[in-house]
N, C-alpha and C. Protein backbone atom coordinates (compact mmCIF):
# COMPACT_ATOMS: atom_id res chain seq x y z
N MET A 1 -18.08 62.01 -12.65
CA MET A 1 -19.50 61.90 -12.39
C MET A 1 -20.23 61.31 -13.57
N ASP A 2 -19.63 61.42 -14.71
CA ASP A 2 -20.27 60.89 -15.92
C ASP A 2 -20.44 59.38 -15.83
N TRP A 3 -19.47 58.69 -15.26
CA TRP A 3 -19.52 57.23 -15.20
C TRP A 3 -20.61 56.75 -14.28
N ILE A 4 -20.95 57.55 -13.24
CA ILE A 4 -22.05 57.16 -12.33
C ILE A 4 -23.36 57.20 -13.09
N GLY A 5 -23.52 58.19 -13.90
CA GLY A 5 -24.76 58.29 -14.69
C GLY A 5 -24.86 57.16 -15.69
N SER A 6 -23.73 56.76 -16.28
CA SER A 6 -23.76 55.67 -17.26
C SER A 6 -24.06 54.33 -16.60
N ILE A 7 -23.70 54.17 -15.33
CA ILE A 7 -24.01 52.93 -14.62
C ILE A 7 -25.45 52.95 -14.14
N ARG A 8 -25.94 54.11 -13.70
CA ARG A 8 -27.28 54.22 -13.14
C ARG A 8 -28.36 53.89 -14.17
N GLU A 9 -28.13 54.23 -15.44
CA GLU A 9 -29.15 54.01 -16.46
C GLU A 9 -29.57 52.54 -16.59
N PRO A 10 -28.62 51.57 -16.83
CA PRO A 10 -29.07 50.17 -16.98
C PRO A 10 -29.42 49.51 -15.64
N ILE A 11 -28.82 49.96 -14.54
CA ILE A 11 -29.05 49.30 -13.26
C ILE A 11 -30.30 49.85 -12.57
N GLY A 12 -30.66 51.06 -12.86
CA GLY A 12 -31.81 51.70 -12.20
C GLY A 12 -33.09 50.88 -12.28
N PRO A 13 -33.52 50.44 -13.48
CA PRO A 13 -34.76 49.64 -13.55
C PRO A 13 -34.65 48.32 -12.79
N ALA A 14 -33.47 47.71 -12.79
CA ALA A 14 -33.29 46.45 -12.07
C ALA A 14 -33.44 46.67 -10.57
N LEU A 15 -32.86 47.77 -10.06
CA LEU A 15 -32.98 48.07 -8.64
C LEU A 15 -34.43 48.37 -8.26
N GLN A 16 -35.16 49.05 -9.11
CA GLN A 16 -36.58 49.33 -8.83
C GLN A 16 -37.39 48.03 -8.83
N TRP A 17 -37.05 47.11 -9.73
CA TRP A 17 -37.77 45.84 -9.76
C TRP A 17 -37.51 45.05 -8.48
N PHE A 18 -36.25 45.07 -7.99
CA PHE A 18 -35.92 44.39 -6.73
C PHE A 18 -36.69 44.98 -5.56
N GLU A 19 -36.83 46.30 -5.54
CA GLU A 19 -37.53 46.95 -4.43
C GLU A 19 -39.02 46.68 -4.46
N THR A 20 -39.62 46.52 -5.63
CA THR A 20 -41.06 46.30 -5.72
C THR A 20 -41.45 44.86 -5.44
N HIS A 21 -40.55 43.92 -5.59
CA HIS A 21 -40.85 42.50 -5.33
C HIS A 21 -40.23 42.10 -3.99
N PRO A 22 -41.03 41.81 -2.99
CA PRO A 22 -40.49 41.45 -1.68
C PRO A 22 -39.81 40.08 -1.71
N GLY A 23 -38.74 39.94 -0.96
CA GLY A 23 -38.03 38.66 -0.86
C GLY A 23 -36.92 38.47 -1.87
N THR A 24 -36.85 39.34 -2.88
CA THR A 24 -35.80 39.18 -3.90
C THR A 24 -34.41 39.44 -3.31
N ALA A 25 -34.33 40.36 -2.42
CA ALA A 25 -33.04 40.67 -1.81
C ALA A 25 -32.51 39.47 -1.03
N SER A 26 -33.37 38.78 -0.31
CA SER A 26 -32.91 37.61 0.44
C SER A 26 -32.50 36.48 -0.50
N TRP A 27 -33.21 36.33 -1.63
CA TRP A 27 -32.79 35.31 -2.61
C TRP A 27 -31.44 35.66 -3.23
N LEU A 28 -31.27 36.92 -3.54
CA LEU A 28 -30.00 37.36 -4.10
C LEU A 28 -28.87 37.16 -3.09
N GLU A 29 -29.14 37.43 -1.83
CA GLU A 29 -28.14 37.23 -0.78
C GLU A 29 -27.79 35.74 -0.64
N ALA A 30 -28.78 34.87 -0.72
CA ALA A 30 -28.55 33.43 -0.61
C ALA A 30 -27.69 32.92 -1.78
N VAL A 31 -28.03 33.35 -2.98
CA VAL A 31 -27.27 32.93 -4.16
C VAL A 31 -25.83 33.44 -4.06
N GLY A 32 -25.66 34.68 -3.63
CA GLY A 32 -24.32 35.22 -3.47
C GLY A 32 -23.51 34.47 -2.42
N SER A 33 -24.14 34.10 -1.31
CA SER A 33 -23.44 33.36 -0.26
C SER A 33 -23.00 31.98 -0.75
N ILE A 34 -23.90 31.30 -1.46
CA ILE A 34 -23.57 29.97 -1.99
C ILE A 34 -22.43 30.08 -3.00
N THR A 35 -22.48 31.09 -3.85
CA THR A 35 -21.41 31.29 -4.83
C THR A 35 -20.08 31.54 -4.13
N ALA A 36 -20.09 32.34 -3.09
CA ALA A 36 -18.85 32.62 -2.35
C ALA A 36 -18.30 31.35 -1.71
N ILE A 37 -19.19 30.53 -1.13
CA ILE A 37 -18.76 29.27 -0.51
C ILE A 37 -18.13 28.34 -1.55
N VAL A 38 -18.76 28.24 -2.71
CA VAL A 38 -18.23 27.38 -3.78
C VAL A 38 -16.85 27.87 -4.23
N PHE A 39 -16.69 29.17 -4.39
CA PHE A 39 -15.39 29.71 -4.81
C PHE A 39 -14.31 29.46 -3.76
N VAL A 40 -14.64 29.59 -2.49
CA VAL A 40 -13.66 29.33 -1.43
C VAL A 40 -13.26 27.86 -1.44
N CYS A 41 -14.24 26.96 -1.60
CA CYS A 41 -13.93 25.53 -1.66
C CYS A 41 -13.04 25.19 -2.85
N LEU A 42 -13.35 25.75 -4.01
CA LEU A 42 -12.53 25.50 -5.20
C LEU A 42 -11.12 26.05 -5.01
N PHE A 43 -11.00 27.22 -4.41
CA PHE A 43 -9.68 27.80 -4.15
C PHE A 43 -8.86 26.89 -3.24
N ALA A 44 -9.49 26.40 -2.16
CA ALA A 44 -8.79 25.51 -1.23
C ALA A 44 -8.39 24.20 -1.92
N LEU A 45 -9.27 23.67 -2.77
CA LEU A 45 -8.98 22.44 -3.50
C LEU A 45 -7.78 22.61 -4.42
N PHE A 46 -7.73 23.70 -5.17
CA PHE A 46 -6.62 23.93 -6.09
C PHE A 46 -5.32 24.20 -5.34
N GLN A 47 -5.38 24.87 -4.21
CA GLN A 47 -4.18 25.08 -3.41
C GLN A 47 -3.64 23.76 -2.88
N GLY A 48 -4.54 22.87 -2.42
CA GLY A 48 -4.13 21.55 -1.94
C GLY A 48 -3.49 20.72 -3.04
N ARG A 49 -4.06 20.79 -4.22
CA ARG A 49 -3.50 20.04 -5.35
C ARG A 49 -2.11 20.56 -5.71
N ARG A 50 -1.94 21.86 -5.69
CA ARG A 50 -0.65 22.43 -6.02
C ARG A 50 0.40 22.01 -4.99
N THR A 51 0.01 22.01 -3.71
CA THR A 51 0.93 21.60 -2.65
C THR A 51 1.31 20.14 -2.82
N ARG A 52 0.31 19.28 -3.09
CA ARG A 52 0.59 17.85 -3.30
C ARG A 52 1.48 17.65 -4.51
N SER A 53 1.26 18.45 -5.55
CA SER A 53 2.09 18.33 -6.75
C SER A 53 3.54 18.65 -6.43
N TYR A 54 3.78 19.70 -5.65
CA TYR A 54 5.15 20.04 -5.26
C TYR A 54 5.76 18.93 -4.40
N GLU A 55 4.97 18.38 -3.48
CA GLU A 55 5.46 17.30 -2.62
C GLU A 55 5.79 16.06 -3.44
N ASP A 56 4.94 15.72 -4.41
CA ASP A 56 5.20 14.56 -5.26
C ASP A 56 6.46 14.75 -6.09
N THR A 57 6.63 15.94 -6.64
CA THR A 57 7.82 16.22 -7.42
C THR A 57 9.07 16.12 -6.55
N ASP A 58 8.99 16.64 -5.34
CA ASP A 58 10.13 16.56 -4.41
C ASP A 58 10.45 15.11 -4.06
N ARG A 59 9.42 14.30 -3.81
CA ARG A 59 9.63 12.89 -3.48
C ARG A 59 10.27 12.15 -4.65
N ILE A 60 9.80 12.43 -5.86
CA ILE A 60 10.37 11.77 -7.04
C ILE A 60 11.83 12.16 -7.22
N ARG A 61 12.14 13.42 -7.01
CA ARG A 61 13.54 13.86 -7.16
C ARG A 61 14.45 13.24 -6.10
N ARG A 62 13.94 13.12 -4.86
CA ARG A 62 14.74 12.45 -3.82
C ARG A 62 14.94 10.98 -4.17
N ALA A 63 13.89 10.34 -4.70
CA ALA A 63 14.00 8.94 -5.09
C ALA A 63 14.98 8.78 -6.24
N GLN A 64 14.97 9.71 -7.18
CA GLN A 64 15.91 9.63 -8.29
C GLN A 64 17.35 9.80 -7.81
N GLY A 65 17.57 10.68 -6.85
CA GLY A 65 18.91 10.84 -6.29
C GLY A 65 19.39 9.57 -5.61
N LEU A 66 18.49 8.93 -4.84
CA LEU A 66 18.84 7.68 -4.18
C LEU A 66 19.08 6.58 -5.21
N ALA A 67 18.29 6.57 -6.27
CA ALA A 67 18.46 5.56 -7.32
C ALA A 67 19.82 5.72 -8.00
N LEU A 68 20.24 6.95 -8.20
CA LEU A 68 21.54 7.18 -8.84
C LEU A 68 22.70 6.70 -7.97
N VAL A 69 22.47 6.63 -6.66
CA VAL A 69 23.50 6.09 -5.76
C VAL A 69 23.45 4.56 -5.76
N LEU A 70 22.25 4.01 -5.83
CA LEU A 70 22.09 2.56 -5.69
C LEU A 70 22.38 1.78 -6.97
N ILE A 71 22.17 2.35 -8.12
CA ILE A 71 22.39 1.61 -9.38
C ILE A 71 23.83 1.11 -9.49
N PRO A 72 24.84 1.96 -9.29
CA PRO A 72 26.22 1.44 -9.36
C PRO A 72 26.52 0.41 -8.26
N ALA A 73 25.93 0.62 -7.07
CA ALA A 73 26.18 -0.33 -5.98
C ALA A 73 25.61 -1.70 -6.31
N LEU A 74 24.39 -1.74 -6.86
CA LEU A 74 23.79 -3.02 -7.21
C LEU A 74 24.49 -3.66 -8.41
N THR A 75 24.90 -2.83 -9.36
CA THR A 75 25.60 -3.35 -10.52
C THR A 75 26.94 -3.97 -10.11
N ALA A 76 27.62 -3.35 -9.15
CA ALA A 76 28.90 -3.90 -8.68
C ALA A 76 28.68 -5.14 -7.81
N PHE A 77 27.53 -5.24 -7.16
CA PHE A 77 27.28 -6.37 -6.26
C PHE A 77 26.78 -7.61 -7.02
N LYS A 78 26.20 -7.42 -8.17
CA LYS A 78 25.64 -8.54 -8.95
C LYS A 78 26.68 -9.63 -9.23
N PRO A 79 27.91 -9.31 -9.67
CA PRO A 79 28.90 -10.38 -9.90
C PRO A 79 29.25 -11.16 -8.64
N LYS A 80 29.17 -10.52 -7.48
CA LYS A 80 29.45 -11.23 -6.23
C LYS A 80 28.40 -12.32 -5.97
N ILE A 81 27.16 -12.02 -6.30
CA ILE A 81 26.10 -13.04 -6.14
C ILE A 81 26.33 -14.16 -7.14
N GLU A 82 26.64 -13.81 -8.39
CA GLU A 82 26.88 -14.82 -9.42
C GLU A 82 28.06 -15.73 -9.02
N THR A 83 29.11 -15.14 -8.49
CA THR A 83 30.27 -15.92 -8.04
C THR A 83 29.88 -16.84 -6.89
N ALA A 84 29.07 -16.33 -5.98
CA ALA A 84 28.64 -17.15 -4.84
C ALA A 84 27.79 -18.33 -5.30
N ILE A 85 27.00 -18.15 -6.34
CA ILE A 85 26.19 -19.26 -6.87
C ILE A 85 27.11 -20.33 -7.46
N ILE A 86 28.10 -19.91 -8.22
CA ILE A 86 29.01 -20.85 -8.87
C ILE A 86 29.89 -21.57 -7.85
N GLN A 87 30.43 -20.82 -6.89
CA GLN A 87 31.36 -21.40 -5.92
C GLN A 87 30.66 -21.98 -4.69
N GLU A 88 29.35 -21.86 -4.64
CA GLU A 88 28.57 -22.33 -3.50
C GLU A 88 29.09 -21.73 -2.20
N SER A 89 29.30 -20.42 -2.22
CA SER A 89 29.78 -19.71 -1.03
C SER A 89 28.69 -18.74 -0.57
N LYS A 90 29.00 -17.99 0.47
CA LYS A 90 28.05 -17.04 1.03
C LYS A 90 28.58 -15.63 0.82
N PRO A 91 27.92 -14.86 -0.07
CA PRO A 91 28.39 -13.49 -0.30
C PRO A 91 28.05 -12.60 0.90
N ALA A 92 28.91 -11.64 1.16
CA ALA A 92 28.62 -10.67 2.22
C ALA A 92 27.51 -9.74 1.75
N ARG A 93 26.82 -9.16 2.71
CA ARG A 93 25.76 -8.23 2.35
C ARG A 93 26.38 -6.98 1.72
N PRO A 94 25.65 -6.35 0.82
CA PRO A 94 26.19 -5.14 0.18
C PRO A 94 26.18 -3.95 1.15
N ASP A 95 27.37 -3.59 1.63
CA ASP A 95 27.48 -2.51 2.62
C ASP A 95 26.96 -1.18 2.08
N GLU A 96 27.15 -0.94 0.77
CA GLU A 96 26.69 0.31 0.17
C GLU A 96 25.17 0.46 0.28
N VAL A 97 24.48 -0.67 0.29
CA VAL A 97 23.01 -0.67 0.35
C VAL A 97 22.54 -0.72 1.80
N MET A 98 23.28 -1.39 2.66
CA MET A 98 22.83 -1.62 4.03
C MET A 98 22.63 -0.32 4.80
N HIS A 99 23.47 0.68 4.59
CA HIS A 99 23.30 1.92 5.34
C HIS A 99 22.20 2.80 4.77
N LEU A 100 21.59 2.39 3.66
CA LEU A 100 20.48 3.14 3.05
C LEU A 100 19.13 2.46 3.24
N LEU A 101 19.08 1.39 4.01
CA LEU A 101 17.84 0.63 4.15
C LEU A 101 16.67 1.47 4.67
N ASP A 102 16.95 2.42 5.56
CA ASP A 102 15.86 3.23 6.11
C ASP A 102 15.31 4.24 5.11
N GLN A 103 15.96 4.42 3.97
CA GLN A 103 15.50 5.35 2.96
C GLN A 103 14.84 4.66 1.77
N LEU A 104 14.84 3.35 1.75
CA LEU A 104 14.33 2.62 0.58
C LEU A 104 12.83 2.75 0.38
N TYR A 105 12.10 3.15 1.42
CA TYR A 105 10.65 3.29 1.29
C TYR A 105 10.27 4.28 0.20
N ILE A 106 11.13 5.27 -0.03
CA ILE A 106 10.83 6.31 -1.00
C ILE A 106 10.89 5.78 -2.43
N LEU A 107 11.54 4.64 -2.63
CA LEU A 107 11.70 4.08 -3.97
C LEU A 107 10.51 3.26 -4.43
N GLY A 108 9.60 2.96 -3.54
CA GLY A 108 8.43 2.18 -3.91
C GLY A 108 8.78 0.74 -4.21
N VAL A 109 8.38 0.25 -5.37
CA VAL A 109 8.61 -1.14 -5.76
C VAL A 109 10.09 -1.48 -5.79
N ALA A 110 10.90 -0.59 -6.31
CA ALA A 110 12.35 -0.85 -6.39
C ALA A 110 12.93 -1.04 -4.98
N GLY A 111 12.48 -0.24 -4.04
CA GLY A 111 12.94 -0.39 -2.66
C GLY A 111 12.53 -1.73 -2.08
N GLY A 112 11.31 -2.17 -2.40
CA GLY A 112 10.85 -3.48 -1.94
C GLY A 112 11.68 -4.61 -2.51
N LEU A 113 12.05 -4.49 -3.77
CA LEU A 113 12.89 -5.52 -4.40
C LEU A 113 14.27 -5.58 -3.74
N ILE A 114 14.81 -4.42 -3.41
CA ILE A 114 16.12 -4.40 -2.74
C ILE A 114 16.01 -5.03 -1.36
N LEU A 115 14.94 -4.72 -0.64
CA LEU A 115 14.74 -5.32 0.68
C LEU A 115 14.60 -6.84 0.59
N GLN A 116 13.91 -7.33 -0.44
CA GLN A 116 13.78 -8.77 -0.65
C GLN A 116 15.15 -9.40 -0.90
N MET A 117 15.95 -8.73 -1.72
CA MET A 117 17.29 -9.25 -2.01
C MET A 117 18.12 -9.33 -0.72
N VAL A 118 18.09 -8.26 0.08
CA VAL A 118 18.86 -8.25 1.32
C VAL A 118 18.36 -9.33 2.28
N ALA A 119 17.04 -9.50 2.35
CA ALA A 119 16.49 -10.53 3.24
C ALA A 119 16.95 -11.93 2.81
N LEU A 120 16.96 -12.20 1.53
CA LEU A 120 17.42 -13.51 1.06
C LEU A 120 18.91 -13.71 1.33
N LEU A 121 19.70 -12.67 1.15
CA LEU A 121 21.14 -12.78 1.45
C LEU A 121 21.37 -13.02 2.94
N GLN A 122 20.60 -12.37 3.79
CA GLN A 122 20.72 -12.58 5.23
C GLN A 122 20.30 -14.00 5.60
N ALA A 123 19.22 -14.49 4.99
CA ALA A 123 18.78 -15.86 5.25
C ALA A 123 19.86 -16.84 4.81
N ASN A 124 20.49 -16.56 3.69
CA ASN A 124 21.56 -17.43 3.21
C ASN A 124 22.77 -17.39 4.15
N GLN A 125 23.07 -16.23 4.70
CA GLN A 125 24.19 -16.10 5.64
C GLN A 125 23.93 -16.90 6.92
N ARG A 126 22.68 -16.88 7.38
CA ARG A 126 22.34 -17.55 8.64
C ARG A 126 22.19 -19.06 8.50
N ALA A 127 21.94 -19.50 7.29
CA ALA A 127 21.73 -20.94 7.07
C ALA A 127 23.05 -21.68 7.27
N GLU A 128 23.02 -22.67 8.12
CA GLU A 128 24.23 -23.44 8.38
C GLU A 128 24.01 -24.88 7.95
N LEU A 129 25.08 -25.48 7.50
CA LEU A 129 25.04 -26.87 7.09
C LEU A 129 24.82 -27.73 8.34
N PRO A 130 23.84 -28.63 8.31
CA PRO A 130 23.60 -29.49 9.47
C PRO A 130 24.85 -30.32 9.81
N GLN A 131 24.95 -30.70 11.05
CA GLN A 131 26.11 -31.46 11.53
C GLN A 131 26.25 -32.81 10.82
N ASN A 132 25.14 -33.34 10.39
CA ASN A 132 25.14 -34.61 9.67
C ASN A 132 25.85 -34.39 8.33
N GLU A 133 26.92 -35.09 8.08
CA GLU A 133 27.71 -34.93 6.86
C GLU A 133 27.21 -35.82 5.72
N ASP A 134 25.97 -36.21 5.77
CA ASP A 134 25.38 -37.05 4.74
C ASP A 134 25.38 -36.28 3.40
N GLU A 135 25.73 -36.96 2.33
CA GLU A 135 25.80 -36.34 1.00
C GLU A 135 24.44 -35.82 0.55
N LYS A 136 23.39 -36.50 0.88
CA LYS A 136 22.04 -36.10 0.50
C LYS A 136 21.65 -34.80 1.22
N VAL A 137 22.00 -34.68 2.49
CA VAL A 137 21.72 -33.47 3.26
C VAL A 137 22.52 -32.30 2.71
N ARG A 138 23.79 -32.54 2.42
CA ARG A 138 24.64 -31.48 1.87
C ARG A 138 24.11 -31.02 0.51
N SER A 139 23.70 -31.95 -0.31
CA SER A 139 23.16 -31.61 -1.63
C SER A 139 21.88 -30.80 -1.50
N SER A 140 21.03 -31.20 -0.58
CA SER A 140 19.78 -30.47 -0.35
C SER A 140 20.07 -29.06 0.15
N HIS A 141 21.00 -28.94 1.08
CA HIS A 141 21.37 -27.63 1.63
C HIS A 141 21.91 -26.73 0.52
N ASN A 142 22.80 -27.26 -0.32
CA ASN A 142 23.38 -26.47 -1.42
C ASN A 142 22.32 -26.08 -2.44
N SER A 143 21.36 -26.96 -2.67
CA SER A 143 20.29 -26.65 -3.61
C SER A 143 19.44 -25.48 -3.10
N ILE A 144 19.13 -25.51 -1.81
CA ILE A 144 18.34 -24.42 -1.23
C ILE A 144 19.13 -23.11 -1.26
N ALA A 145 20.43 -23.20 -0.98
CA ALA A 145 21.29 -22.01 -1.01
C ALA A 145 21.35 -21.42 -2.42
N ARG A 146 21.49 -22.30 -3.43
CA ARG A 146 21.51 -21.83 -4.82
C ARG A 146 20.18 -21.17 -5.18
N GLN A 147 19.08 -21.75 -4.70
CA GLN A 147 17.77 -21.18 -4.97
C GLN A 147 17.65 -19.78 -4.35
N ARG A 148 18.10 -19.65 -3.10
CA ARG A 148 18.05 -18.33 -2.45
C ARG A 148 18.91 -17.32 -3.19
N LEU A 149 20.12 -17.72 -3.54
CA LEU A 149 21.01 -16.80 -4.25
C LEU A 149 20.47 -16.46 -5.64
N GLY A 150 19.86 -17.44 -6.29
CA GLY A 150 19.25 -17.17 -7.59
C GLY A 150 18.11 -16.17 -7.47
N ASP A 151 17.30 -16.32 -6.42
CA ASP A 151 16.23 -15.35 -6.19
C ASP A 151 16.79 -13.98 -5.86
N ALA A 152 17.86 -13.94 -5.06
CA ALA A 152 18.50 -12.67 -4.73
C ALA A 152 19.05 -12.00 -5.99
N LEU A 153 19.62 -12.79 -6.89
CA LEU A 153 20.12 -12.26 -8.15
C LEU A 153 18.98 -11.69 -9.00
N ARG A 154 17.87 -12.41 -9.03
CA ARG A 154 16.69 -11.93 -9.79
C ARG A 154 16.17 -10.62 -9.19
N TYR A 155 16.09 -10.55 -7.86
CA TYR A 155 15.66 -9.32 -7.21
C TYR A 155 16.64 -8.18 -7.49
N CYS A 156 17.91 -8.48 -7.53
CA CYS A 156 18.93 -7.47 -7.84
C CYS A 156 18.74 -6.93 -9.26
N ASP A 157 18.53 -7.83 -10.21
CA ASP A 157 18.28 -7.42 -11.60
C ASP A 157 17.01 -6.59 -11.72
N ASP A 158 15.93 -7.07 -11.09
CA ASP A 158 14.66 -6.35 -11.16
C ASP A 158 14.75 -4.98 -10.51
N ALA A 159 15.46 -4.90 -9.39
CA ALA A 159 15.62 -3.62 -8.70
C ALA A 159 16.44 -2.66 -9.55
N THR A 160 17.49 -3.15 -10.18
CA THR A 160 18.32 -2.30 -11.04
C THR A 160 17.49 -1.76 -12.19
N TYR A 161 16.68 -2.63 -12.80
CA TYR A 161 15.81 -2.20 -13.90
C TYR A 161 14.81 -1.15 -13.42
N ALA A 162 14.19 -1.39 -12.26
CA ALA A 162 13.21 -0.44 -11.72
C ALA A 162 13.86 0.90 -11.37
N LEU A 163 15.08 0.84 -10.84
CA LEU A 163 15.79 2.08 -10.51
C LEU A 163 16.15 2.87 -11.78
N MET A 164 16.56 2.16 -12.82
CA MET A 164 16.87 2.84 -14.08
C MET A 164 15.62 3.49 -14.66
N LYS A 165 14.52 2.78 -14.54
CA LYS A 165 13.25 3.33 -15.03
C LYS A 165 12.86 4.56 -14.22
N LEU A 166 13.10 4.53 -12.92
CA LEU A 166 12.79 5.66 -12.05
C LEU A 166 13.63 6.88 -12.41
N THR A 167 14.88 6.67 -12.76
CA THR A 167 15.74 7.81 -13.10
C THR A 167 15.31 8.50 -14.39
N ARG A 168 14.54 7.80 -15.22
CA ARG A 168 14.08 8.40 -16.47
C ARG A 168 12.76 9.13 -16.34
N VAL A 169 12.13 9.09 -15.15
CA VAL A 169 10.87 9.80 -14.95
C VAL A 169 11.13 11.30 -15.03
N ARG A 170 10.30 11.97 -15.79
CA ARG A 170 10.47 13.41 -15.96
C ARG A 170 9.71 14.15 -14.88
N THR A 171 10.33 15.16 -14.32
CA THR A 171 9.66 16.05 -13.37
C THR A 171 9.72 17.45 -13.95
N ALA A 172 8.60 18.09 -13.95
CA ALA A 172 8.56 19.44 -14.54
C ALA A 172 8.60 20.50 -13.49
C-alpha cells in the first residue's frame, strides 16, 4: 500500500488539473491514439525490413551456390570457344550450363552475361555457309562467325569474373 501513496502524491495534482479543465481528457486520448498508431506503423515497417533482409540473404546464398557450380563449368568451356575461333569450327553448347538456364535469373548481371554467351553460341550453331562457294562469301561468313565466337568468349570471361565477385559477397 505504500507504493500507491508514493504514486498518488505526484500524480494527484495533475489529475485534479485534468478534471478542472474541460476537454483535456479528449486531447490526451487523441495524442495517445496517434502515438499508438505511429508505434504500430514503425513495428510493421521494421518487421518488413527484417523479412526482406532474410529473403535477400537467402537469395544471395542461393546465387553463390549456383555461382560455385557455374565457375568451373565456364572455366572448362572457355578453351573450347578459343579452339573454335582458331579452327573456325562450331563449339557445342555447354551442357553443364544449359540445364541451369531457368535458374540464371537469380545471378543478376552474371546470369545475363551467361544467357548472352549461350545465345551467341546458338546463333553460331544455326548459321550455315551459303550454297554459293564464292571465296568472298566464305570469308565474310567466317569473319562473322569469329566475331560471334569472340563476343561469346568475352561474355564467358565477364560472367566468370562476375560470378567470382558474387562468391566473395559477405552475408551475415
